[in-house]
Amino acid sequence: MTNSNGDKELEKIYEELREMNSSLSSSSSSSSRRRISGKSEGDSLLGFFVGLLMLAGGLFMIFNNLYVSSSWGRGYIFHIGSFNIPNGMVMFPIVVGIAMLFLMERKVFGWVVVAIGIVIVLLSIMLSTQIHWRTTSAYVFIIMFGLTAAGAGLVIRELFRNRD
């Protein structure tokens, strides 16, 4: 009897040793993986967010040095040969579409004409928009684009890093 109790206790101790060994090997393999790559997970997360901040700062500086102007509302929008379409005519499809919504039984056609009119208005505004670059020093220019490039590089490196 004592022999079977002793065997059971030995099996229990052996099982506990195997569990401890497997937990130690899994934790040591993950820590060795971190040591092999040279960076811990916290360092890569920090690098990602620093890169994101640099990218955002550079883009903010670039967009802060642009100004946008528009010639919409100054006469004619479209010039097709010698035929000019005035600004007010751009609103014509929207007005026709609204009238169709109230007059027609099937309102689908009215909604399609209104949608086309909205697209035409948005395109006419976008086509008459001009973007200009403010005069800046070479130092600020290098800082803006350097921050953007370095930040984008850090973010891309951390996103596509091999995580074995």
Protein backbone atom coordinates (compact mmCIF):
# COMPACT_ATOMS: atom_id res chain seq x y z
CA MET A 1 0.00 0.00 0.00
CA THR A 2 2.70 2.41 0.85
CA ASN A 3 4.29 1.73 -2.51
CA SER A 4 1.16 2.76 -4.48
CA ASN A 5 0.74 5.91 -2.36
CA GLY A 6 4.39 6.72 -2.95
CA ASP A 7 3.96 6.18 -6.69
CA LYS A 8 0.96 8.51 -6.76
CA GLU A 9 2.89 11.18 -4.89
CA LEU A 10 5.86 10.80 -7.25
CA GLU A 11 3.55 11.11 -10.26
CA LYS A 12 2.01 14.22 -8.74
CA ILE A 13 5.42 15.79 -8.14
CA TYR A 14 6.54 14.80 -11.64
CA GLU A 15 3.41 16.44 -13.14
CA GLU A 16 4.05 19.66 -11.19
CA LEU A 17 7.67 19.72 -12.39
CA ARG A 18 6.54 19.27 -16.01
CA GLU A 19 4.06 22.17 -15.68
CA MET A 20 6.72 24.40 -14.13
CA ASN A 21 9.19 23.46 -16.87
CA SER A 22 6.68 24.18 -19.67
CA SER A 23 5.74 27.56 -18.17
CA LEU A 24 9.42 28.49 -17.78
CA SER A 25 10.25 27.46 -21.35
CA SER A 26 7.36 29.47 -22.79
CA SER A 27 8.28 32.60 -20.83
CA SER A 28 11.98 32.25 -21.64
CA SER A 29 11.27 31.80 -25.35
CA SER A 30 9.19 35.01 -25.44
CA SER A 31 11.85 36.92 -23.50
CA SER A 32 14.60 35.53 -25.73
CA ARG A 33 12.52 36.54 -28.74
CA ARG A 34 12.37 40.07 -27.38
CA ARG A 35 16.12 40.09 -26.70
CA ILE A 36 16.94 38.75 -30.17
CA SER A 37 14.95 41.47 -31.93
CA GLY A 38 16.59 44.10 -29.73
CA LYS A 39 13.37 45.77 -28.72
CA SER A 40 10.65 45.00 -26.26
CA GLU A 41 6.99 45.49 -27.16
CA GLY A 42 6.89 48.72 -25.16
CA ASP A 43 9.75 50.18 -27.21
CA SER A 44 7.99 49.44 -30.50
CA LEU A 45 4.76 50.95 -29.24
CA LEU A 46 6.65 54.05 -28.14
CA GLY A 47 8.39 54.25 -31.53
CA PHE A 48 5.05 53.98 -33.30
CA PHE A 49 3.45 56.80 -31.29
CA VAL A 50 6.52 59.04 -31.56
CA GLY A 51 6.44 58.51 -35.33
CA LEU A 52 2.73 59.26 -35.39
CA LEU A 53 3.29 62.51 -33.48
CA MET A 54 6.14 63.51 -35.81
CA LEU A 55 4.03 62.74 -38.87
CA ALA A 56 1.06 64.72 -37.50
CA GLY A 57 3.29 67.67 -36.57
CA GLY A 58 4.92 67.77 -40.01
CA LEU A 59 1.59 67.54 -41.83
CA PHE A 60 0.14 70.25 -39.59
CA MET A 61 3.03 72.57 -40.47
CA ILE A 62 2.69 71.81 -44.19
CA PHE A 63 -1.07 72.41 -44.26
CA ASN A 64 -0.61 75.53 -42.14
CA ASN A 65 1.57 77.03 -44.91
CA LEU A 66 -1.05 76.50 -47.63
CA TYR A 67 -3.86 78.89 -48.37
CA VAL A 68 -6.86 78.16 -50.52
CA SER A 69 -8.72 80.63 -52.71
CA SER A 70 -11.66 80.22 -55.03
CA SER A 71 -12.92 82.04 -58.07
CA TRP A 72 -16.44 80.63 -57.67
CA GLY A 73 -19.06 83.33 -57.81
CA ARG A 74 -17.01 85.66 -60.02
CA GLY A 75 -18.94 85.33 -63.23
CA TYR A 76 -18.62 82.20 -65.29
CA ILE A 77 -17.66 78.71 -64.17
CA PHE A 78 -17.35 76.63 -67.33
CA HIS A 79 -15.90 77.76 -70.64
CA ILE A 80 -16.75 75.40 -73.48
CA GLY A 81 -15.28 76.95 -76.58
CA SER A 82 -16.85 80.38 -76.83
CA PHE A 83 -19.87 79.30 -74.75
CA ASN A 84 -19.75 80.29 -71.07
CA ILE A 85 -22.02 78.80 -68.38
CA PRO A 86 -22.81 81.31 -65.61
CA ASN A 87 -22.75 80.32 -61.91
CA GLY A 88 -26.51 80.44 -61.54
CA MET A 89 -26.99 77.80 -64.22
CA VAL A 90 -25.09 75.31 -62.07
CA MET A 91 -28.03 75.35 -59.63
CA PHE A 92 -30.54 74.58 -62.39
CA PRO A 93 -30.43 70.73 -62.04
CA ILE A 94 -31.11 70.99 -58.29
CA VAL A 95 -34.14 73.22 -58.86
CA VAL A 96 -35.47 70.89 -61.58
CA GLY A 97 -34.91 67.86 -59.31
CA ILE A 98 -36.84 69.48 -56.45
CA ALA A 99 -39.69 70.30 -58.81
CA MET A 100 -39.69 66.68 -60.01
CA LEU A 101 -39.97 65.49 -56.39
CA PHE A 102 -43.23 67.37 -55.98
CA LEU A 103 -44.70 66.82 -59.46
CA MET A 104 -43.91 63.20 -60.31
CA GLU A 105 -45.48 60.09 -58.91
CA ARG A 106 -42.20 58.13 -58.91
CA LYS A 107 -39.81 60.21 -56.84
CA VAL A 108 -36.73 58.16 -57.76
CA PHE A 109 -36.10 60.23 -60.89
CA GLY A 110 -36.34 63.46 -58.88
CA TRP A 111 -33.82 62.20 -56.33
CA VAL A 112 -31.44 61.17 -59.12
CA VAL A 113 -31.62 64.64 -60.70
CA VAL A 114 -31.10 66.31 -57.27
CA ALA A 115 -28.08 64.08 -56.64
CA ILE A 116 -26.61 64.90 -60.05
CA GLY A 117 -27.19 68.61 -59.37
CA ILE A 118 -25.37 68.39 -56.01
CA VAL A 119 -22.44 66.61 -57.69
CA ILE A 120 -22.29 69.33 -60.37
CA VAL A 121 -22.26 72.09 -57.72
CA LEU A 122 -19.52 70.37 -55.72
CA LEU A 123 -17.43 69.76 -58.83
CA SER A 124 -17.80 73.39 -59.95
CA ILE A 125 -16.60 74.58 -56.54
CA MET A 126 -13.69 72.16 -56.50
CA LEU A 127 -12.66 73.01 -60.06
CA SER A 128 -12.56 76.71 -59.25
CA THR A 129 -10.39 76.21 -56.15
CA GLN A 130 -6.73 77.20 -56.18
CA ILE A 131 -4.13 76.19 -53.60
CA HIS A 132 -1.14 78.47 -52.99
CA TRP A 133 2.05 77.95 -50.99
CA ARG A 134 3.06 80.71 -48.59
CA THR A 135 6.62 81.95 -48.72
CA THR A 136 8.72 80.27 -46.05
CA SER A 137 12.38 79.89 -45.16
CA ALA A 138 14.43 76.89 -46.18
CA TYR A 139 14.92 75.95 -42.52
CA VAL A 140 11.17 75.72 -41.89
CA PHE A 141 10.72 73.89 -45.20
CA ILE A 142 13.30 71.24 -44.19
CA ILE A 143 11.78 70.90 -40.71
CA MET A 144 8.27 70.42 -42.14
CA PHE A 145 9.15 67.79 -44.69
CA GLY A 146 11.83 66.19 -42.49
CA LEU A 147 9.34 65.69 -39.65
CA THR A 148 6.82 64.25 -42.07
CA ALA A 149 9.30 61.86 -43.69
CA ALA A 150 10.87 60.72 -40.39
CA GLY A 151 7.47 60.22 -38.77
CA ALA A 152 6.16 58.27 -41.74
CA GLY A 153 9.32 56.14 -41.70
CA LEU A 154 8.94 55.31 -38.00
CA VAL A 155 5.27 54.45 -38.37
CA ILE A 156 5.85 52.26 -41.43
CA ARG A 157 8.82 50.51 -39.79
CA GLU A 158 6.79 49.64 -36.71
CA LEU A 159 3.76 48.56 -38.73
CA PHE A 160 5.70 46.21 -41.01
CA ARG A 161 8.32 45.01 -38.53
CA ASN A 162 8.82 41.24 -38.37
CA ARG A 163 7.31 40.07 -35.08
CA ASP A 164 8.61 36.47 -34.99
